[in-house]
Amino acid sequence: MLTTRIAAFLVAVSLAAAGLVATAASAEARPGCTYRVVRVKTRLNIRMEPRGRIVDKLYPGDRTWGSCKKHGKWRRVHGTEIGRRGFAFGRYLKKIGRR
């Protein structure tokens, strides 16, 4: 009885872990655009929302990726910190490709 419960638990944990891996892989595979930071002398602020609080920054020549969708004059991109995403003003991003 205990062996059956342990086996069932291990199967459940394995399936849950496989689901997390599949979710992470599909998130990375989402289509989007690749950008390079241009026309910036010091840094480009990444904001929580357009005109919102600064959450990260990019520097001249940095490459980043994000949504191809426009949010007014803003683009949703990834910052330098792992997992940091936000909005950058589109004038300072040059689209260099699609993902």
PDB file of N, CA and C in Angstrom:
ATOM      1  N   MET A   1       0.828  -1.198   0.000  1.00  0.00           N
ATOM      2  CA  MET A   1       0.000   0.000   0.000  1.00  0.00           C
ATOM      3  C   MET A   1       0.872   1.262   0.000  1.00  0.00           C
ATOM      4  N   LEU A   2       1.876   1.291   0.879  1.00  0.00           N
ATOM      5  CA  LEU A   2       2.766   2.440   0.946  1.00  0.00           C
ATOM      6  C   LEU A   2       3.570   2.567  -0.346  1.00  0.00           C
ATOM      7  N   THR A   3       3.997   1.445  -0.896  1.00  0.00           N
ATOM      8  CA  THR A   3       4.754   1.454  -2.147  1.00  0.00           C
ATOM      9  C   THR A   3       3.903   2.018  -3.282  1.00  0.00           C
ATOM     10  N   THR A   4       2.644   1.666  -3.333  1.00  0.00           N
ATOM     11  CA  THR A   4       1.742   2.172  -4.367  1.00  0.00           C
ATOM     12  C   THR A   4       1.569   3.680  -4.239  1.00  0.00           C
ATOM     13  N   ARG A   5       1.441   4.174  -3.017  1.00  0.00           N
ATOM     14  CA  ARG A   5       1.286   5.618  -2.797  1.00  0.00           C
ATOM     15  C   ARG A   5       2.549   6.367  -3.202  1.00  0.00           C
ATOM     16  N   ILE A   6       3.703   5.820  -2.841  1.00  0.00           N
ATOM     17  CA  ILE A   6       4.967   6.467  -3.201  1.00  0.00           C
ATOM     18  C   ILE A   6       5.119   6.497  -4.720  1.00  0.00           C
ATOM     19  N   ALA A   7       4.800   5.389  -5.376  1.00  0.00           N
ATOM     20  CA  ALA A   7       4.896   5.326  -6.836  1.00  0.00           C
ATOM     21  C   ALA A   7       3.949   6.335  -7.479  1.00  0.00           C
ATOM     22  N   ALA A   8       2.740   6.442  -6.974  1.00  0.00           N
ATOM     23  CA  ALA A   8       1.768   7.395  -7.514  1.00  0.00           C
ATOM     24  C   ALA A   8       2.256   8.834  -7.320  1.00  0.00           C
ATOM     25  N   PHE A   9       2.843   9.096  -6.156  1.00  0.00           N
ATOM     26  CA  PHE A   9       3.386  10.423  -5.873  1.00  0.00           C
ATOM     27  C   PHE A   9       4.517  10.760  -6.845  1.00  0.00           C
ATOM     28  N   LEU A  10       5.424   9.825  -7.074  1.00  0.00           N
ATOM     29  CA  LEU A  10       6.542  10.059  -7.986  1.00  0.00           C
ATOM     30  C   LEU A  10       6.062  10.295  -9.418  1.00  0.00           C
ATOM     31  N   VAL A  11       5.054   9.560  -9.830  1.00  0.00           N
ATOM     32  CA  VAL A  11       4.492   9.765 -11.168  1.00  0.00           C
ATOM     33  C   VAL A  11       3.876  11.157 -11.266  1.00  0.00           C
ATOM     34  N   ALA A  12       3.143  11.569 -10.239  1.00  0.00           N
ATOM     35  CA  ALA A  12       2.513  12.891 -10.244  1.00  0.00           C
ATOM     36  C   ALA A  12       3.562  14.000 -10.293  1.00  0.00           C
ATOM     37  N   VAL A  13       4.634  13.849  -9.514  1.00  0.00           N
ATOM     38  CA  VAL A  13       5.703  14.853  -9.509  1.00  0.00           C
ATOM     39  C   VAL A  13       6.375  14.911 -10.877  1.00  0.00           C
ATOM     40  N   SER A  14       6.622  13.761 -11.478  1.00  0.00           N
ATOM     41  CA  SER A  14       7.257  13.714 -12.804  1.00  0.00           C
ATOM     42  C   SER A  14       6.390  14.398 -13.854  1.00  0.00           C
ATOM     43  N   LEU A  15       5.102  14.134 -13.825  1.00  0.00           N
ATOM     44  CA  LEU A  15       4.194  14.757 -14.791  1.00  0.00           C
ATOM     45  C   LEU A  15       4.118  16.266 -14.586  1.00  0.00           C
ATOM     46  N   ALA A  16       4.105  16.692 -13.338  1.00  0.00           N
ATOM     47  CA  ALA A  16       4.057  18.126 -13.051  1.00  0.00           C
ATOM     48  C   ALA A  16       5.328  18.807 -13.545  1.00  0.00           C
ATOM     49  N   ALA A  17       6.474  18.183 -13.318  1.00  0.00           N
ATOM     50  CA  ALA A  17       7.742  18.754 -13.776  1.00  0.00           C
ATOM     51  C   ALA A  17       7.782  18.815 -15.298  1.00  0.00           C
ATOM     52  N   ALA A  18       7.289  17.799 -15.964  1.00  0.00           N
ATOM     53  CA  ALA A  18       7.260  17.793 -17.431  1.00  0.00           C
ATOM     54  C   ALA A  18       6.375  18.917 -17.948  1.00  0.00           C
ATOM     55  N   GLY A  19       5.279  19.178 -17.263  1.00  0.00           N
ATOM     56  CA  GLY A  19       4.396  20.276 -17.658  1.00  0.00           C
ATOM     57  C   GLY A  19       5.076  21.620 -17.521  1.00  0.00           C
ATOM     58  N   LEU A  20       5.863  21.805 -16.454  1.00  0.00           N
ATOM     59  CA  LEU A  20       6.584  23.056 -16.267  1.00  0.00           C
ATOM     60  C   LEU A  20       7.629  23.248 -17.354  1.00  0.00           C
ATOM     61  N   VAL A  21       8.327  22.197 -17.711  1.00  0.00           N
ATOM     62  CA  VAL A  21       9.335  22.293 -18.766  1.00  0.00           C
ATOM     63  C   VAL A  21       8.672  22.631 -20.091  1.00  0.00           C
ATOM     64  N   ALA A  22       7.564  21.991 -20.395  1.00  0.00           N
ATOM     65  CA  ALA A  22       6.858  22.266 -21.649  1.00  0.00           C
ATOM     66  C   ALA A  22       6.361  23.704 -21.680  1.00  0.00           C
ATOM     67  N   THR A  23       5.875  24.203 -20.550  1.00  0.00           N
ATOM     68  CA  THR A  23       5.393  25.576 -20.488  1.00  0.00           C
ATOM     69  C   THR A  23       6.531  26.555 -20.706  1.00  0.00           C
ATOM     70  N   ALA A  24       7.675  26.313 -20.073  1.00  0.00           N
ATOM     71  CA  ALA A  24       8.819  27.203 -20.241  1.00  0.00           C
ATOM     72  C   ALA A  24       9.318  27.183 -21.680  1.00  0.00           C
ATOM     73  N   ALA A  25       9.347  26.023 -22.296  1.00  0.00           N
ATOM     74  CA  ALA A  25       9.814  25.927 -23.676  1.00  0.00           C
ATOM     75  C   ALA A  25       8.874  26.663 -24.617  1.00  0.00           C
ATOM     76  N   SER A  26       7.566  26.541 -24.406  1.00  0.00           N
ATOM     77  CA  SER A  26       6.629  27.225 -25.291  1.00  0.00           C
ATOM     78  C   SER A  26       6.692  28.733 -25.088  1.00  0.00           C
ATOM     79  N   ALA A  27       6.989  29.183 -23.865  1.00  0.00           N
ATOM     80  CA  ALA A  27       7.117  30.617 -23.622  1.00  0.00           C
ATOM     81  C   ALA A  27       8.323  31.175 -24.371  1.00  0.00           C
ATOM     82  N   GLU A  28       9.423  30.422 -24.416  1.00  0.00           N
ATOM     83  CA  GLU A  28      10.604  30.864 -25.130  1.00  0.00           C
ATOM     84  C   GLU A  28      10.381  30.838 -26.637  1.00  0.00           C
ATOM     85  N   ALA A  29       9.514  29.946 -27.107  1.00  0.00           N
ATOM     86  CA  ALA A  29       9.311  29.782 -28.537  1.00  0.00           C
ATOM     87  C   ALA A  29       8.287  30.761 -29.106  1.00  0.00           C
ATOM     88  N   ARG A  30       7.722  31.605 -28.285  1.00  0.00           N
ATOM     89  CA  ARG A  30       6.732  32.562 -28.773  1.00  0.00           C
ATOM     90  C   ARG A  30       7.345  33.450 -29.843  1.00  0.00           C
ATOM     91  N   PRO A  31       6.591  33.721 -30.887  1.00  0.00           N
ATOM     92  CA  PRO A  31       7.123  34.610 -31.914  1.00  0.00           C
ATOM     93  C   PRO A  31       7.243  36.029 -31.375  1.00  0.00           C
ATOM     94  N   GLY A  32       8.175  36.747 -31.889  1.00  0.00           N
ATOM     95  CA  GLY A  32       8.374  38.116 -31.463  1.00  0.00           C
ATOM     96  C   GLY A  32       9.424  38.772 -32.332  1.00  0.00           C
ATOM     97  N   CYS A  33       9.895  39.919 -31.902  1.00  0.00           N
ATOM     98  CA  CYS A  33      10.897  40.669 -32.647  1.00  0.00           C
ATOM     99  C   CYS A  33      12.162  40.827 -31.822  1.00  0.00           C
ATOM    100  N   THR A  34      13.271  40.962 -32.526  1.00  0.00           N
ATOM    101  CA  THR A  34      14.558  41.253 -31.902  1.00  0.00           C
ATOM    102  C   THR A  34      14.873  42.714 -32.196  1.00  0.00           C
ATOM    103  N   TYR A  35      15.356  43.423 -31.177  1.00  0.00           N
ATOM    104  CA  TYR A  35      15.638  44.848 -31.310  1.00  0.00           C
ATOM    105  C   TYR A  35      17.066  45.160 -30.874  1.00  0.00           C
ATOM    106  N   ARG A  36      17.600  46.277 -31.398  1.00  0.00           N
ATOM    107  CA  ARG A  36      18.871  46.821 -30.929  1.00  0.00           C
ATOM    108  C   ARG A  36      18.606  48.237 -30.433  1.00  0.00           C
ATOM    109  N   VAL A  37      19.242  48.614 -29.335  1.00  0.00           N
ATOM    110  CA  VAL A  37      19.076  49.957 -28.768  1.00  0.00           C
ATOM    111  C   VAL A  37      19.895  50.940 -29.608  1.00  0.00           C
ATOM    112  N   VAL A  38      19.236  51.988 -30.092  1.00  0.00           N
ATOM    113  CA  VAL A  38      19.880  53.001 -30.939  1.00  0.00           C
ATOM    114  C   VAL A  38      19.515  54.402 -30.438  1.00  0.00           C
ATOM    115  N   ARG A  39      20.258  55.408 -30.881  1.00  0.00           N
ATOM    116  CA  ARG A  39      19.993  56.823 -30.569  1.00  0.00           C
ATOM    117  C   ARG A  39      19.900  57.105 -29.072  1.00  0.00           C
ATOM    118  N   VAL A  40      20.706  56.387 -28.292  1.00  0.00           N
ATOM    119  CA  VAL A  40      20.723  56.595 -26.844  1.00  0.00           C
ATOM    120  C   VAL A  40      22.164  56.891 -26.439  1.00  0.00           C
ATOM    121  N   LYS A  41      22.375  57.937 -25.632  1.00  0.00           N
ATOM    122  CA  LYS A  41      23.735  58.265 -25.200  1.00  0.00           C
ATOM    123  C   LYS A  41      24.126  57.540 -23.920  1.00  0.00           C
ATOM    124  N   THR A  42      23.206  57.389 -22.998  1.00  0.00           N
ATOM    125  CA  THR A  42      23.550  56.760 -21.719  1.00  0.00           C
ATOM    126  C   THR A  42      22.811  55.446 -21.505  1.00  0.00           C
ATOM    127  N   ARG A  43      21.496  55.494 -21.397  1.00  0.00           N
ATOM    128  CA  ARG A  43      20.714  54.274 -21.159  1.00  0.00           C
ATOM    129  C   ARG A  43      19.278  54.479 -21.631  1.00  0.00           C
ATOM    130  N   LEU A  44      18.619  53.355 -21.863  1.00  0.00           N
ATOM    131  CA  LEU A  44      17.204  53.359 -22.230  1.00  0.00           C
ATOM    132  C   LEU A  44      16.447  52.719 -21.078  1.00  0.00           C
ATOM    133  N   ASN A  45      15.547  53.456 -20.481  1.00  0.00           N
ATOM    134  CA  ASN A  45      14.783  52.938 -19.348  1.00  0.00           C
ATOM    135  C   ASN A  45      13.707  51.960 -19.814  1.00  0.00           C
ATOM    136  N   ILE A  46      13.581  50.880 -19.074  1.00  0.00           N
ATOM    137  CA  ILE A  46      12.503  49.915 -19.273  1.00  0.00           C
ATOM    138  C   ILE A  46      11.505  50.187 -18.159  1.00  0.00           C
ATOM    139  N   ARG A  47      10.264  50.398 -18.522  1.00  0.00           N
ATOM    140  CA  ARG A  47       9.252  50.803 -17.548  1.00  0.00           C
ATOM    141  C   ARG A  47       8.191  49.733 -17.358  1.00  0.00           C
ATOM    142  N   MET A  48       7.597  49.719 -16.184  1.00  0.00           N
ATOM    143  CA  MET A  48       6.558  48.754 -15.843  1.00  0.00           C
ATOM    144  C   MET A  48       5.398  48.828 -16.841  1.00  0.00           C
ATOM    145  N   GLU A  49       5.054  50.035 -17.217  1.00  0.00           N
ATOM    146  CA  GLU A  49       4.017  50.306 -18.218  1.00  0.00           C
ATOM    147  C   GLU A  49       4.443  51.585 -18.923  1.00  0.00           C
ATOM    148  N   PRO A  50       3.882  51.894 -20.096  1.00  0.00           N
ATOM    149  CA  PRO A  50       4.270  53.141 -20.753  1.00  0.00           C
ATOM    150  C   PRO A  50       4.146  54.331 -19.795  1.00  0.00           C
ATOM    151  N   ARG A  51       5.213  55.096 -19.700  1.00  0.00           N
ATOM    152  CA  ARG A  51       5.314  56.251 -18.794  1.00  0.00           C
ATOM    153  C   ARG A  51       5.243  55.863 -17.323  1.00  0.00           C
ATOM    154  N   GLY A  52       5.478  54.605 -17.017  1.00  0.00           N
ATOM    155  CA  GLY A  52       5.387  54.132 -15.637  1.00  0.00           C
ATOM    156  C   GLY A  52       6.732  54.109 -14.924  1.00  0.00           C
ATOM    157  N   ARG A  53       6.754  53.387 -13.820  1.00  0.00           N
ATOM    158  CA  ARG A  53       7.938  53.264 -12.976  1.00  0.00           C
ATOM    159  C   ARG A  53       9.044  52.509 -13.715  1.00  0.00           C
ATOM    160  N   ILE A  54      10.299  52.951 -13.563  1.00  0.00           N
ATOM    161  CA  ILE A  54      11.447  52.304 -14.202  1.00  0.00           C
ATOM    162  C   ILE A  54      11.756  50.999 -13.473  1.00  0.00           C
ATOM    163  N   VAL A  55      11.864  49.896 -14.237  1.00  0.00           N
ATOM    164  CA  VAL A  55      12.150  48.587 -13.636  1.00  0.00           C
ATOM    165  C   VAL A  55      13.479  48.004 -14.106  1.00  0.00           C
ATOM    166  N   ASP A  56      14.038  48.534 -15.180  1.00  0.00           N
ATOM    167  CA  ASP A  56      15.309  48.031 -15.698  1.00  0.00           C
ATOM    168  C   ASP A  56      15.843  49.037 -16.707  1.00  0.00           C
ATOM    169  N   LYS A  57      16.992  48.727 -17.304  1.00  0.00           N
ATOM    170  CA  LYS A  57      17.561  49.627 -18.302  1.00  0.00           C
ATOM    171  C   LYS A  57      18.366  48.840 -19.328  1.00  0.00           C
ATOM    172  N   LEU A  58      18.480  49.406 -20.516  1.00  0.00           N
ATOM    173  CA  LEU A  58      19.307  48.864 -21.591  1.00  0.00           C
ATOM    174  C   LEU A  58      20.294  49.951 -21.996  1.00  0.00           C
ATOM    175  N   TYR A  59      21.407  49.538 -22.581  1.00  0.00           N
ATOM    176  CA  TYR A  59      22.459  50.477 -22.942  1.00  0.00           C
ATOM    177  C   TYR A  59      22.651  50.518 -24.455  1.00  0.00           C
ATOM    178  N   PRO A  60      23.299  51.577 -24.979  1.00  0.00           N
ATOM    179  CA  PRO A  60      23.494  51.695 -26.428  1.00  0.00           C
ATOM    180  C   PRO A  60      24.114  50.425 -27.015  1.00  0.00           C
ATOM    181  N   GLY A  61      23.511  49.930 -28.087  1.00  0.00           N
ATOM    182  CA  GLY A  61      24.012  48.736 -28.752  1.00  0.00           C
ATOM    183  C   GLY A  61      23.488  47.429 -28.200  1.00  0.00           C
ATOM    184  N   ASP A  62      22.842  47.456 -27.026  1.00  0.00           N
ATOM    185  CA  ASP A  62      22.278  46.225 -26.456  1.00  0.00           C
ATOM    186  C   ASP A  62      21.249  45.637 -27.403  1.00  0.00           C
ATOM    187  N   ARG A  63      21.158  44.315 -27.375  1.00  0.00           N
ATOM    188  CA  ARG A  63      20.104  43.619 -28.121  1.00  0.00           C
ATOM    189  C   ARG A  63      19.112  43.059 -27.123  1.00  0.00           C
ATOM    190  N   THR A  64      17.860  43.090 -27.511  1.00  0.00           N
ATOM    191  CA  THR A  64      16.803  42.557 -26.664  1.00  0.00           C
ATOM    192  C   THR A  64      15.720  41.984 -27.564  1.00  0.00           C
ATOM    193  N   TRP A  65      14.740  41.379 -26.979  1.00  0.00           N
ATOM    194  CA  TRP A  65      13.631  40.825 -27.749  1.00  0.00           C
ATOM    195  C   TRP A  65      12.343  41.127 -27.024  1.00  0.00           C
ATOM    196  N   GLY A  66      11.272  41.030 -27.782  1.00  0.00           N
ATOM    197  CA  GLY A  66       9.969  41.295 -27.193  1.00  0.00           C
ATOM    198  C   GLY A  66       8.874  41.172 -28.232  1.00  0.00           C
ATOM    199  N   SER A  67       7.763  41.746 -27.903  1.00  0.00           N
ATOM    200  CA  SER A  67       6.590  41.689 -28.765  1.00  0.00           C
ATOM    201  C   SER A  67       6.775  42.595 -29.981  1.00  0.00           C
ATOM    202  N   CYS A  68       6.274  42.149 -31.122  1.00  0.00           N
ATOM    203  CA  CYS A  68       6.270  42.995 -32.328  1.00  0.00           C
ATOM    204  C   CYS A  68       5.098  43.974 -32.291  1.00  0.00           C
ATOM    205  N   LYS A  69       4.144  43.712 -31.407  1.00  0.00           N
ATOM    206  CA  LYS A  69       2.952  44.551 -31.299  1.00  0.00           C
ATOM    207  C   LYS A  69       3.321  45.923 -30.732  1.00  0.00           C
ATOM    208  N   LYS A  70       2.748  46.949 -31.321  1.00  0.00           N
ATOM    209  CA  LYS A  70       2.984  48.310 -30.850  1.00  0.00           C
ATOM    210  C   LYS A  70       1.968  48.654 -29.770  1.00  0.00           C
ATOM    211  N   HIS A  71       2.429  49.346 -28.758  1.00  0.00           N
ATOM    212  CA  HIS A  71       1.564  49.869 -27.696  1.00  0.00           C
ATOM    213  C   HIS A  71       1.696  51.389 -27.766  1.00  0.00           C
ATOM    214  N   GLY A  72       1.006  51.982 -28.725  1.00  0.00           N
ATOM    215  CA  GLY A  72       1.220  53.401 -29.001  1.00  0.00           C
ATOM    216  C   GLY A  72       2.611  53.555 -29.592  1.00  0.00           C
ATOM    217  N   LYS A  73       3.457  54.350 -28.950  1.00  0.00           N
ATOM    218  CA  LYS A  73       4.841  54.513 -29.404  1.00  0.00           C
ATOM    219  C   LYS A  73       5.798  53.632 -28.602  1.00  0.00           C
ATOM    220  N   TRP A  74       5.269  52.718 -27.834  1.00  0.00           N
ATOM    221  CA  TRP A  74       6.071  51.876 -26.947  1.00  0.00           C
ATOM    222  C   TRP A  74       6.119  50.440 -27.451  1.00  0.00           C
ATOM    223  N   ARG A  75       7.159  49.694 -27.021  1.00  0.00           N
ATOM    224  CA  ARG A  75       7.307  48.269 -27.332  1.00  0.00           C
ATOM    225  C   ARG A  75       7.539  47.520 -26.029  1.00  0.00           C
ATOM    226  N   ARG A  76       6.943  46.336 -25.924  1.00  0.00           N
ATOM    227  CA  ARG A  76       7.160  45.490 -24.744  1.00  0.00           C
ATOM    228  C   ARG A  76       8.401  44.644 -25.002  1.00  0.00           C
ATOM    229  N   VAL A  77       9.407  44.770 -24.129  1.00  0.00           N
ATOM    230  CA  VAL A  77      10.687  44.088 -24.331  1.00  0.00           C
ATOM    231  C   VAL A  77      11.196  43.478 -23.026  1.00  0.00           C
ATOM    232  N   HIS A  78      12.243  42.681 -23.147  1.00  0.00           N
ATOM    233  CA  HIS A  78      12.937  42.107 -21.996  1.00  0.00           C
ATOM    234  C   HIS A  78      14.094  43.028 -21.627  1.00  0.00           C
ATOM    235  N   GLY A  79      14.332  43.182 -20.339  1.00  0.00           N
ATOM    236  CA  GLY A  79      15.444  43.996 -19.869  1.00  0.00           C
ATOM    237  C   GLY A  79      16.704  43.172 -19.688  1.00  0.00           C
ATOM    238  N   THR A  80      17.681  43.741 -18.984  1.00  0.00           N
ATOM    239  CA  THR A  80      18.951  43.052 -18.771  1.00  0.00           C
ATOM    240  C   THR A  80      18.864  42.039 -17.640  1.00  0.00           C
ATOM    241  N   GLU A  81      18.016  42.279 -16.671  1.00  0.00           N
ATOM    242  CA  GLU A  81      17.844  41.335 -15.565  1.00  0.00           C
ATOM    243  C   GLU A  81      16.975  40.173 -16.024  1.00  0.00           C
ATOM    244  N   ILE A  82      17.310  38.979 -15.592  1.00  0.00           N
ATOM    245  CA  ILE A  82      16.553  37.792 -15.989  1.00  0.00           C
ATOM    246  C   ILE A  82      15.108  37.926 -15.517  1.00  0.00           C
ATOM    247  N   GLY A  83      14.195  37.740 -16.441  1.00  0.00           N
ATOM    248  CA  GLY A  83      12.781  37.795 -16.105  1.00  0.00           C
ATOM    249  C   GLY A  83      12.176  39.182 -16.079  1.00  0.00           C
ATOM    250  N   ARG A  84      13.004  40.213 -16.231  1.00  0.00           N
ATOM    251  CA  ARG A  84      12.471  41.580 -16.220  1.00  0.00           C
ATOM    252  C   ARG A  84      11.932  41.931 -17.593  1.00  0.00           C
ATOM    253  N   ARG A  85      10.675  42.302 -17.638  1.00  0.00           N
ATOM    254  CA  ARG A  85      10.048  42.762 -18.872  1.00  0.00           C
ATOM    255  C   ARG A  85       9.368  44.080 -18.603  1.00  0.00           C
ATOM    256  N   GLY A  86       9.238  44.856 -19.644  1.00  0.00           N
ATOM    257  CA  GLY A  86       8.569  46.129 -19.490  1.00  0.00           C
ATOM    258  C   GLY A  86       8.453  46.806 -20.837  1.00  0.00           C
ATOM    259  N   PHE A  87       8.281  48.105 -20.808  1.00  0.00           N
ATOM    260  CA  PHE A  87       8.063  48.874 -22.025  1.00  0.00           C
ATOM    261  C   PHE A  87       9.214  49.847 -22.250  1.00  0.00           C
ATOM    262  N   ALA A  88       9.653  49.930 -23.509  1.00  0.00           N
ATOM    263  CA  ALA A  88      10.679  50.887 -23.914  1.00  0.00           C
ATOM    264  C   ALA A  88      10.098  51.749 -25.031  1.00  0.00           C
ATOM    265  N   PHE A  89      10.519  52.997 -25.064  1.00  0.00           N
ATOM    266  CA  PHE A  89      10.016  53.901 -26.099  1.00  0.00           C
ATOM    267  C   PHE A  89      10.557  53.443 -27.448  1.00  0.00           C
ATOM    268  N   GLY A  90       9.650  53.241 -28.407  1.00  0.00           N
ATOM    269  CA  GLY A  90       9.988  52.646 -29.693  1.00  0.00           C
ATOM    270  C   GLY A  90      10.994  53.415 -30.532  1.00  0.00           C
ATOM    271  N   ARG A  91      11.101  54.704 -30.331  1.00  0.00           N
ATOM    272  CA  ARG A  91      12.040  55.514 -31.117  1.00  0.00           C
ATOM    273  C   ARG A  91      13.480  55.054 -30.913  1.00  0.00           C
ATOM    274  N   TYR A  92      13.761  54.463 -29.770  1.00  0.00           N
ATOM    275  CA  TYR A  92      15.124  54.069 -29.432  1.00  0.00           C
ATOM    276  C   TYR A  92      15.400  52.589 -29.680  1.00  0.00           C
ATOM    277  N   LEU A  93      14.478  51.918 -30.347  1.00  0.00           N
ATOM    278  CA  LEU A  93      14.651  50.503 -30.678  1.00  0.00           C
ATOM    279  C   LEU A  93      14.594  50.323 -32.186  1.00  0.00           C
ATOM    280  N   LYS A  94      15.581  49.634 -32.720  1.00  0.00           N
ATOM    281  CA  LYS A  94      15.576  49.311 -34.147  1.00  0.00           C
ATOM    282  C   LYS A  94      15.309  47.823 -34.282  1.00  0.00           C
ATOM    283  N   LYS A  95      14.261  47.480 -35.024  1.00  0.00           N
ATOM    284  CA  LYS A  95      13.937  46.065 -35.224  1.00  0.00           C
ATOM    285  C   LYS A  95      14.987  45.465 -36.149  1.00  0.00           C
ATOM    286  N   ILE A  96      15.637  44.383 -35.687  1.00  0.00           N
ATOM    287  CA  ILE A  96      16.684  43.760 -36.499  1.00  0.00           C
ATOM    288  C   ILE A  96      16.308  42.356 -36.936  1.00  0.00           C
ATOM    289  N   GLY A  97      15.154  41.878 -36.524  1.00  0.00           N
ATOM    290  CA  GLY A  97      14.726  40.555 -36.962  1.00  0.00           C
ATOM    291  C   GLY A  97      13.485  40.094 -36.231  1.00  0.00           C
ATOM    292  N   ARG A  98      13.062  38.888 -36.614  1.00  0.00           N
ATOM    293  CA  ARG A  98      11.909  38.252 -35.966  1.00  0.00           C
ATOM    294  C   ARG A  98      12.378  36.965 -35.334  1.00  0.00           C
ATOM    295  N   ARG A  99      11.722  36.583 -34.263  1.00  0.00           N
ATOM    296  CA  ARG A  99      12.070  35.327 -33.570  1.00  0.00           C
ATOM    297  C   ARG A  99      11.159  34.238 -34.035  1.00  0.00           C
TER     298      ARG A  99
END
